[in-house]
Protein backbone atom coordinates (compact mmCIF):
# COMPACT_ATOMS: atom_id res chain seq x y z
CA MET A 1 -8.25 -142.77 137.68
CA TYR A 2 -12.05 -142.82 138.05
CA SER A 3 -13.81 -145.97 136.89
CA ILE A 4 -16.42 -145.72 134.17
CA LEU A 5 -19.06 -146.58 136.79
CA ALA A 6 -17.93 -143.76 139.04
CA ILE A 7 -18.09 -141.26 136.20
CA LEU A 8 -21.60 -142.38 135.31
CA LEU A 9 -22.67 -141.99 138.93
CA LEU A 10 -21.41 -138.39 138.92
CA PHE A 11 -23.79 -137.58 136.06
CA LEU A 12 -26.68 -139.32 137.80
CA LEU A 13 -26.32 -137.41 141.06
CA PRO A 14 -28.62 -134.37 141.48
CA VAL A 15 -27.01 -131.02 140.71
CA PRO A 16 -26.89 -128.67 143.70
CA ALA A 17 -29.35 -125.78 143.44
CA SER A 18 -26.51 -123.27 143.53
CA ALA A 19 -25.01 -124.87 140.41
CA GLN A 20 -28.20 -124.90 138.36
CA THR A 21 -28.84 -122.24 135.73
CA ALA A 22 -32.04 -120.32 136.44
CA ASP A 23 -34.68 -120.74 133.76
CA PRO A 24 -35.26 -117.27 132.31
CA GLU A 25 -38.63 -118.28 130.85
CA LYS A 26 -40.61 -118.34 134.07
CA THR A 27 -44.38 -118.62 134.07
CA ALA A 28 -46.63 -115.62 134.61
CA ALA A 29 -47.44 -116.90 138.10
CA GLU A 30 -43.74 -116.92 138.95
CA MET A 31 -43.04 -113.48 137.50
CA ILE A 32 -46.15 -111.81 138.91
CA ASN A 33 -45.47 -112.34 142.61
CA PRO A 34 -48.12 -111.74 145.33
CA ALA A 35 -47.05 -108.12 145.79
CA ALA A 36 -47.39 -107.47 142.07
CA GLN A 37 -50.79 -109.16 141.96
CA ARG A 38 -52.01 -106.96 144.81
CA ALA A 39 -50.76 -103.89 142.94
CA ILE A 40 -52.55 -105.04 139.79
CA ASP A 41 -55.82 -105.77 141.60
CA GLN A 42 -55.79 -102.42 143.37
CA GLY A 43 -54.86 -100.58 140.18
CA LEU A 44 -57.64 -102.19 138.15
CA GLN A 45 -60.18 -101.40 140.85
CA TRP A 46 -59.07 -97.78 140.96
CA LEU A 47 -59.09 -97.45 137.17
CA SER A 48 -62.55 -99.01 136.98
CA SER A 49 -63.86 -96.31 139.31
CA ARG A 50 -62.52 -93.57 137.04
CA GLN A 51 -64.49 -94.28 133.88
CA ASN A 52 -66.66 -91.32 132.92
CA ASP A 53 -70.39 -91.60 132.26
CA ASP A 54 -69.82 -91.48 128.49
CA GLY A 55 -67.35 -94.38 128.62
CA GLY A 56 -64.21 -92.27 128.26
CA PHE A 57 -61.45 -91.70 130.79
CA GLY A 58 -59.39 -88.79 132.02
CA GLN A 59 -60.08 -85.63 133.97
CA GLY A 60 -59.49 -81.92 133.40
CA VAL A 61 -57.67 -81.16 130.15
CA GLN A 62 -57.27 -84.90 129.56
CA ARG A 63 -60.97 -85.68 129.90
CA GLY A 64 -62.16 -87.90 127.07
CA ASN A 65 -58.70 -88.25 125.52
CA ALA A 66 -59.01 -91.07 122.97
CA ALA A 67 -55.48 -92.39 123.60
CA ILE A 68 -56.09 -92.63 127.35
CA CYS A 69 -59.40 -94.38 126.69
CA GLY A 70 -57.67 -96.93 124.48
CA LEU A 71 -54.87 -97.51 126.98
CA CYS A 72 -57.34 -97.96 129.85
CA GLY A 73 -59.25 -100.49 127.79
CA MET A 74 -56.01 -102.35 127.08
CA ALA A 75 -55.14 -102.35 130.78
CA PHE A 76 -58.37 -104.23 131.52
CA MET A 77 -57.81 -106.58 128.58
CA SER A 78 -54.25 -107.32 129.76
CA GLY A 79 -55.83 -109.08 132.72
CA GLY A 80 -58.12 -111.20 130.56
CA SER A 81 -61.27 -109.09 130.31
CA THR A 82 -62.77 -108.62 126.83
CA PRO A 83 -65.78 -106.65 125.59
CA SER A 84 -68.70 -107.66 127.86
CA ARG A 85 -66.74 -110.61 129.31
CA GLY A 86 -64.63 -110.92 132.43
CA PRO A 87 -64.54 -108.87 135.63
CA TYR A 88 -64.03 -105.62 133.70
CA GLY A 89 -65.78 -106.58 130.47
CA ASP A 90 -68.37 -103.85 130.91
CA ARG A 91 -65.60 -101.23 131.20
CA VAL A 92 -64.01 -102.48 127.98
CA GLU A 93 -67.36 -102.43 126.18
CA ARG A 94 -68.10 -98.87 127.30
CA ALA A 95 -64.64 -97.76 126.14
CA VAL A 96 -65.48 -99.21 122.71
CA ASP A 97 -68.80 -97.35 122.81
CA TYR A 98 -67.01 -94.09 123.51
CA LEU A 99 -64.47 -94.40 120.70
CA LEU A 100 -66.99 -95.52 118.10
CA ALA A 101 -69.29 -92.65 119.08
CA ASN A 102 -66.43 -90.23 118.43
CA ALA A 103 -65.25 -91.74 115.15
CA GLN A 104 -65.37 -89.10 112.41
CA PRO A 105 -66.68 -89.89 108.89
CA SER A 106 -63.05 -89.74 107.70
CA GLY A 107 -62.12 -92.49 110.15
CA TYR A 108 -60.37 -90.09 112.53
CA LEU A 109 -60.67 -91.30 116.14
CA ILE A 110 -60.41 -88.17 118.21
CA GLU A 111 -61.93 -86.74 121.37
CA PRO A 112 -64.74 -84.18 120.90
CA THR A 113 -62.55 -81.24 121.96
CA PRO A 114 -58.90 -82.13 121.27
CA THR A 115 -56.53 -80.53 123.78
CA THR A 116 -53.30 -82.32 122.88
CA HIS A 117 -50.71 -81.06 120.40
CA GLY A 118 -50.52 -84.51 118.83
CA PRO A 119 -53.95 -85.95 118.05
CA MET A 120 -52.45 -88.73 115.91
CA TYR A 121 -51.38 -90.26 119.23
CA SER A 122 -55.05 -90.37 120.15
CA HIS A 123 -55.90 -91.92 116.82
CA GLY A 124 -53.09 -94.48 116.96
CA PHE A 125 -53.74 -95.79 120.46
CA ALA A 126 -57.50 -95.78 119.90
CA THR A 127 -57.09 -97.73 116.64
CA LEU A 128 -54.80 -100.21 118.40
CA PHE A 129 -57.39 -100.81 121.13
CA LEU A 130 -60.27 -101.26 118.69
CA ALA A 131 -58.19 -103.67 116.62
CA GLU A 132 -57.54 -105.73 119.76
CA CYS A 133 -61.28 -105.79 120.44
CA TYR A 134 -62.22 -106.73 116.89
CA GLY A 135 -63.12 -110.41 116.76
CA MET A 136 -64.02 -110.38 120.45
CA SER A 137 -66.98 -108.04 120.01
CA LYS A 138 -70.36 -108.50 118.35
CA ARG A 139 -70.55 -104.83 117.38
CA THR A 140 -71.46 -104.73 113.69
CA GLU A 141 -70.12 -101.20 113.15
CA LEU A 142 -66.71 -101.99 114.62
CA ARG A 143 -65.19 -103.38 111.41
CA ASP A 144 -66.36 -100.46 109.25
CA LYS A 145 -65.05 -97.79 111.62
CA LEU A 146 -61.84 -99.68 112.28
CA SER A 147 -61.24 -100.06 108.54
CA LEU A 148 -61.69 -96.31 108.04
CA ALA A 149 -59.32 -95.58 110.93
CA VAL A 150 -56.68 -97.80 109.33
CA LYS A 151 -57.14 -96.16 105.91
CA LEU A 152 -56.59 -92.75 107.49
CA ILE A 153 -53.23 -93.93 108.84
CA ILE A 154 -52.22 -95.45 105.51
CA ASN A 155 -53.21 -92.35 103.54
CA SER A 156 -51.37 -89.92 105.83
CA GLN A 157 -47.95 -91.62 105.68
CA ASN A 158 -45.40 -89.07 104.48
CA LYS A 159 -42.66 -89.44 101.87
CA GLU A 160 -40.10 -90.44 104.52
CA GLY A 161 -42.30 -93.36 105.55
CA GLY A 162 -43.44 -91.94 108.88
CA TRP A 163 -46.15 -89.92 110.59
CA ARG A 164 -46.40 -86.77 112.68
CA TYR A 165 -48.93 -85.07 114.97
CA TYR A 166 -51.71 -84.62 112.41
CA PRO A 167 -53.02 -86.79 109.56
CA LYS A 168 -51.01 -84.86 106.98
CA LYS A 169 -48.12 -85.90 104.76
CA ASP A 170 -45.82 -83.17 106.03
CA ASP A 171 -43.06 -84.35 108.35
CA ALA A 172 -42.54 -87.32 110.66
CA ASP A 173 -41.07 -88.33 114.01
CA ILE A 174 -40.31 -91.76 115.38
CA SER A 175 -42.66 -91.55 118.36
CA VAL A 176 -45.84 -90.95 116.37
CA THR A 177 -44.61 -93.36 113.70
CA VAL A 178 -44.26 -96.22 116.18
CA CYS A 179 -47.77 -95.54 117.46
CA GLN A 180 -49.18 -95.92 113.94
CA VAL A 181 -47.09 -99.02 113.18
CA MET A 182 -48.48 -100.73 116.29
CA ALA A 183 -52.03 -99.85 115.24
CA LEU A 184 -51.43 -101.20 111.73
CA ARG A 185 -49.89 -104.41 113.07
CA ALA A 186 -52.90 -105.00 115.33
CA ALA A 187 -55.30 -104.30 112.47
CA HIS A 188 -53.41 -106.66 110.16
CA ASN A 189 -53.52 -109.37 112.82
CA ALA A 190 -57.28 -108.85 113.08
CA GLY A 191 -57.80 -109.33 109.36
CA ILE A 192 -57.93 -105.71 108.18
CA HIS A 193 -55.96 -105.12 104.97
CA VAL A 194 -52.72 -103.19 105.39
CA PRO A 195 -50.53 -102.77 102.26
CA LYS A 196 -47.09 -104.34 102.58
CA GLU A 197 -45.60 -101.23 101.02
CA THR A 198 -46.88 -99.12 103.92
CA ILE A 199 -45.12 -101.31 106.48
CA ASP A 200 -41.94 -101.60 104.42
CA ARG A 201 -41.65 -97.82 104.15
CA ALA A 202 -42.30 -97.40 107.87
CA VAL A 203 -39.65 -99.99 108.74
CA ASP A 204 -37.15 -98.22 106.51
CA TYR A 205 -37.92 -94.94 108.29
CA VAL A 206 -37.43 -96.47 111.74
CA LYS A 207 -34.16 -98.10 110.73
CA ARG A 208 -32.82 -94.79 109.42
CA CYS A 209 -33.60 -93.24 112.81
CA GLN A 210 -31.23 -95.60 114.62
CA ASN A 211 -27.95 -94.10 115.82
CA ARG A 212 -24.60 -95.87 116.01
CA ASP A 213 -25.00 -96.39 119.76
CA GLY A 214 -28.09 -98.56 119.12
CA GLY A 215 -30.55 -95.93 120.31
CA PHE A 216 -32.93 -93.91 118.17
CA LEU A 217 -33.16 -90.24 117.32
CA TYR A 218 -36.39 -88.25 117.24
CA MET A 219 -36.47 -86.97 113.66
CA LEU A 220 -34.34 -87.59 110.59
CA SER A 221 -33.96 -83.91 109.84
CA GLY A 222 -31.07 -82.52 111.87
CA GLY A 223 -30.06 -85.78 113.52
CA GLY A 224 -30.01 -85.88 117.31
CA GLU A 225 -28.96 -87.98 120.26
CA SER A 226 -30.58 -91.21 121.39
CA SER A 227 -32.95 -91.45 124.34
CA PHE A 228 -34.50 -94.29 126.31
CA PRO A 229 -38.24 -93.79 125.57
CA ARG A 230 -38.03 -93.46 121.79
CA SER A 231 -35.36 -96.15 121.55
CA ALA A 232 -37.63 -98.64 123.32
CA ALA A 233 -40.40 -97.61 120.93
CA GLY A 234 -38.14 -98.03 117.91
CA ILE A 235 -37.33 -101.63 118.82
CA VAL A 236 -41.02 -102.42 119.28
CA ALA A 237 -41.81 -100.98 115.86
CA LEU A 238 -39.25 -103.31 114.29
CA ASN A 239 -40.65 -106.23 116.29
CA SER A 240 -44.12 -105.34 115.01
CA ALA A 241 -42.81 -105.59 111.45
CA GLY A 242 -41.45 -109.09 112.08
CA ILE A 243 -37.85 -108.23 112.95
CA TYR A 244 -36.86 -110.24 116.03
CA LEU A 245 -33.89 -111.83 117.70
CA GLY A 246 -33.21 -115.23 116.20
CA ASN A 247 -33.28 -114.09 112.58
CA GLU A 248 -29.58 -113.65 111.90
CA SER A 249 -30.12 -111.67 108.71
CA LYS A 250 -32.32 -109.10 110.43
CA GLU A 251 -31.41 -108.96 114.10
CA LYS A 252 -28.50 -106.47 114.01
CA GLU A 253 -30.75 -103.49 114.71
CA ILE A 254 -32.56 -105.34 117.50
CA THR A 255 -29.37 -106.53 119.22
CA SER A 256 -27.77 -103.10 119.24
CA GLY A 257 -31.04 -101.51 120.37
CA LEU A 258 -31.43 -103.94 123.27
CA ASP A 259 -27.82 -103.36 124.27
CA TYR A 260 -28.59 -99.64 124.41
CA LEU A 261 -31.71 -100.22 126.54
CA THR A 262 -29.82 -102.35 129.06
CA GLN A 263 -28.21 -99.29 130.63
CA PHE A 264 -31.68 -98.05 131.62
CA ARG A 265 -32.81 -101.15 133.49
CA PRO A 266 -34.27 -100.01 136.83
CA GLU A 267 -31.96 -100.40 139.81
CA GLN A 268 -32.77 -99.92 143.46
CA GLY A 269 -31.39 -96.64 144.72
CA VAL A 270 -30.62 -95.33 141.24
CA THR A 271 -32.62 -92.32 140.05
CA ARG A 272 -32.63 -91.54 136.35
CA ARG A 273 -34.16 -88.78 134.26
CA GLU A 274 -37.89 -89.49 134.24
CA GLN A 275 -39.30 -87.61 131.27
CA TYR A 276 -41.88 -89.83 129.56
CA TYR A 277 -41.31 -92.49 132.23
CA GLU A 278 -44.50 -94.53 131.67
CA TYR A 279 -44.27 -94.21 127.90
CA GLY A 280 -40.68 -95.44 127.88
CA HIS A 281 -41.31 -98.43 130.12
CA TYR A 282 -44.52 -99.32 128.27
CA TYR A 283 -42.43 -99.90 125.15
CA ALA A 284 -39.36 -101.24 126.97
CA VAL A 285 -41.27 -104.07 128.63
CA GLN A 286 -42.64 -105.06 125.22
CA ALA A 287 -39.17 -105.02 123.67
CA LEU A 288 -37.69 -107.16 126.45
CA TRP A 289 -40.69 -109.49 126.46
CA GLN A 290 -40.18 -110.16 122.77
CA ALA A 291 -36.43 -110.63 123.31
CA GLY A 292 -37.06 -113.17 126.07
CA GLY A 293 -34.25 -115.12 127.67
CA GLU A 294 -31.96 -113.62 130.26
CA ARG A 295 -32.73 -110.07 129.15
CA TRP A 296 -36.40 -110.51 130.02
CA ALA A 297 -35.63 -112.47 133.19
CA ARG A 298 -33.64 -109.52 134.55
CA TRP A 299 -35.75 -106.65 133.22
CA TYR A 300 -39.26 -107.58 134.36
CA PRO A 301 -38.52 -108.10 138.08
CA ALA A 302 -36.64 -104.79 138.10
CA ILE A 303 -39.49 -102.71 136.63
CA ARG A 304 -42.08 -104.75 138.56
CA ASP A 305 -40.52 -103.91 141.91
CA GLU A 306 -39.98 -100.27 140.98
CA LEU A 307 -43.62 -99.83 139.95
CA ILE A 308 -44.87 -101.50 143.13
CA SER A 309 -42.81 -99.05 145.18
CA ARG A 310 -44.26 -96.09 143.27
CA GLN A 311 -47.94 -97.03 143.55
CA ARG A 312 -50.12 -94.75 145.67
CA PRO A 313 -52.20 -96.14 148.56
CA ASP A 314 -55.42 -95.79 146.53
CA GLY A 315 -54.03 -98.08 143.81
CA SER A 316 -53.13 -95.42 141.25
CA TRP A 317 -49.90 -94.04 139.81
CA ILE A 318 -49.38 -90.37 139.06
CA SER A 319 -47.79 -88.47 136.19
CA THR A 320 -48.01 -85.10 134.51
CA TYR A 321 -50.40 -86.62 131.95
CA GLY A 322 -52.97 -87.67 134.52
CA SER A 323 -53.38 -90.63 136.85
CA GLU A 324 -55.66 -92.50 134.45
CA TYR A 325 -52.91 -92.47 131.82
CA SER A 326 -50.10 -93.48 134.15
CA THR A 327 -52.16 -96.14 135.93
CA ALA A 328 -53.18 -97.74 132.64
CA MET A 329 -49.57 -97.79 131.44
CA CYS A 330 -48.27 -99.27 134.70
CA LEU A 331 -50.96 -101.95 134.68
CA ILE A 332 -50.12 -102.96 131.12
CA ILE A 333 -46.45 -103.23 132.11
CA LEU A 334 -47.12 -105.30 135.23
CA GLN A 335 -49.46 -107.69 133.40
CA MET A 336 -47.15 -108.31 130.44
CA PRO A 337 -46.27 -111.89 131.55
CA GLU A 338 -49.96 -112.81 131.29
CA ASN A 339 -49.59 -112.61 127.49
CA GLN A 340 -53.29 -111.82 127.01
CA LEU A 341 -53.30 -109.16 124.29
CA PRO A 342 -52.70 -110.42 120.74
CA ILE A 343 -50.43 -107.46 119.91
CA PHE A 344 -48.00 -108.46 122.67
CA GLN A 345 -47.92 -112.20 122.02
CA ARG A 346 -44.65 -113.71 120.83
C-alpha cells in the first residue's frame, strides 16, 4: 500500500502536458494567430481603399448599399477603431456621415437608389451600426435619426412578431426578423427605448420557427426544412433577447440549435453547400462565441483557418454580393475574439 506521504507527493508532482485539459477560453492573442492577424491587416487595408467618395461602400449594383456600409463600418470597429479614433476612425466617421445623409424623415435608412429586393436588411444593418457608434460619436443628430430608425422597426412588426423585406406589417421571415432584433438589441444597449413587448413577440416568433432537429425554418407559413445560415441567425436572435446557455429554464432551444450547427463546423477537405456562406458564418461565429467553452474552442480555429485559405492576394474575399460585403463579413468573423463591439460582448 502507498503511504500517505507518497500519495500526497503524487498530487504535488506536475501533470504531464499530454494529460492536461486544454483551456477552451483562450485569449484573443492566442486565438488570432500570426496568419490570422496578417489576413486581418490586409483585409482592413483593402477595405479602407474601397470606401466611395460619399462615405458609402460597394460597387456596381451594390454601390451605396446601406447594409454593406454598416457592415464595413463594423469591420473597422471590430479591430478597435471608433468614429474619428483609431487607425480607421476616419472611415467609420465617413460611414456614419453617409448613413445619416441618407436617413429619410420616416427614419428609414436606405440607399438613394435601392437595388435589393429586401431593403429592410439595409435598414437593419445600418441601424445596428449606428447604434454601435452612438455614445462614441459627438454627432448631435445621431440620436434623433437613430431613434426614428428604431421606431420604424417597432412600428412595422407584423402580427406574427416578425419582419419581412419592407417596413410593412404583412408577412415575416426569420432572416429579416433576426436582423431587426439585432438592431433593437444594440439600440437598447445604447439607451434608446425599445418596448419589452416588441422583443417578447419577436422571441416568440423565432422560437416557433425552430424545427425538431434544432435548426430553423424560413417562414412559419408552410413549414420547411432547417438550414445552416438561418439556424445560426436564429440562435443569435435568442441570445440577443437574453436566452443563453447556463440558464436551465431557457437553454433548451439554444442547446438543440448549437447541436444542429455542430454538423456544419468547417473541416479541411470537406466542401459543403455554400449559399449565403458569409452570412451564415457571420451569425455562427456569434452563436459559438456566446456559447463559449469547448464549442467555441473548436469552432473558431476551424473557420479562422478556412477564411485564411480563401483570402485573395490583395486582401479581399469574394462573393456574389460583392467583395466589400464578403470582406467585411470575413473580417468581423476573424476579429470576434477581440470582443470590441458591444453587441458581441458576452
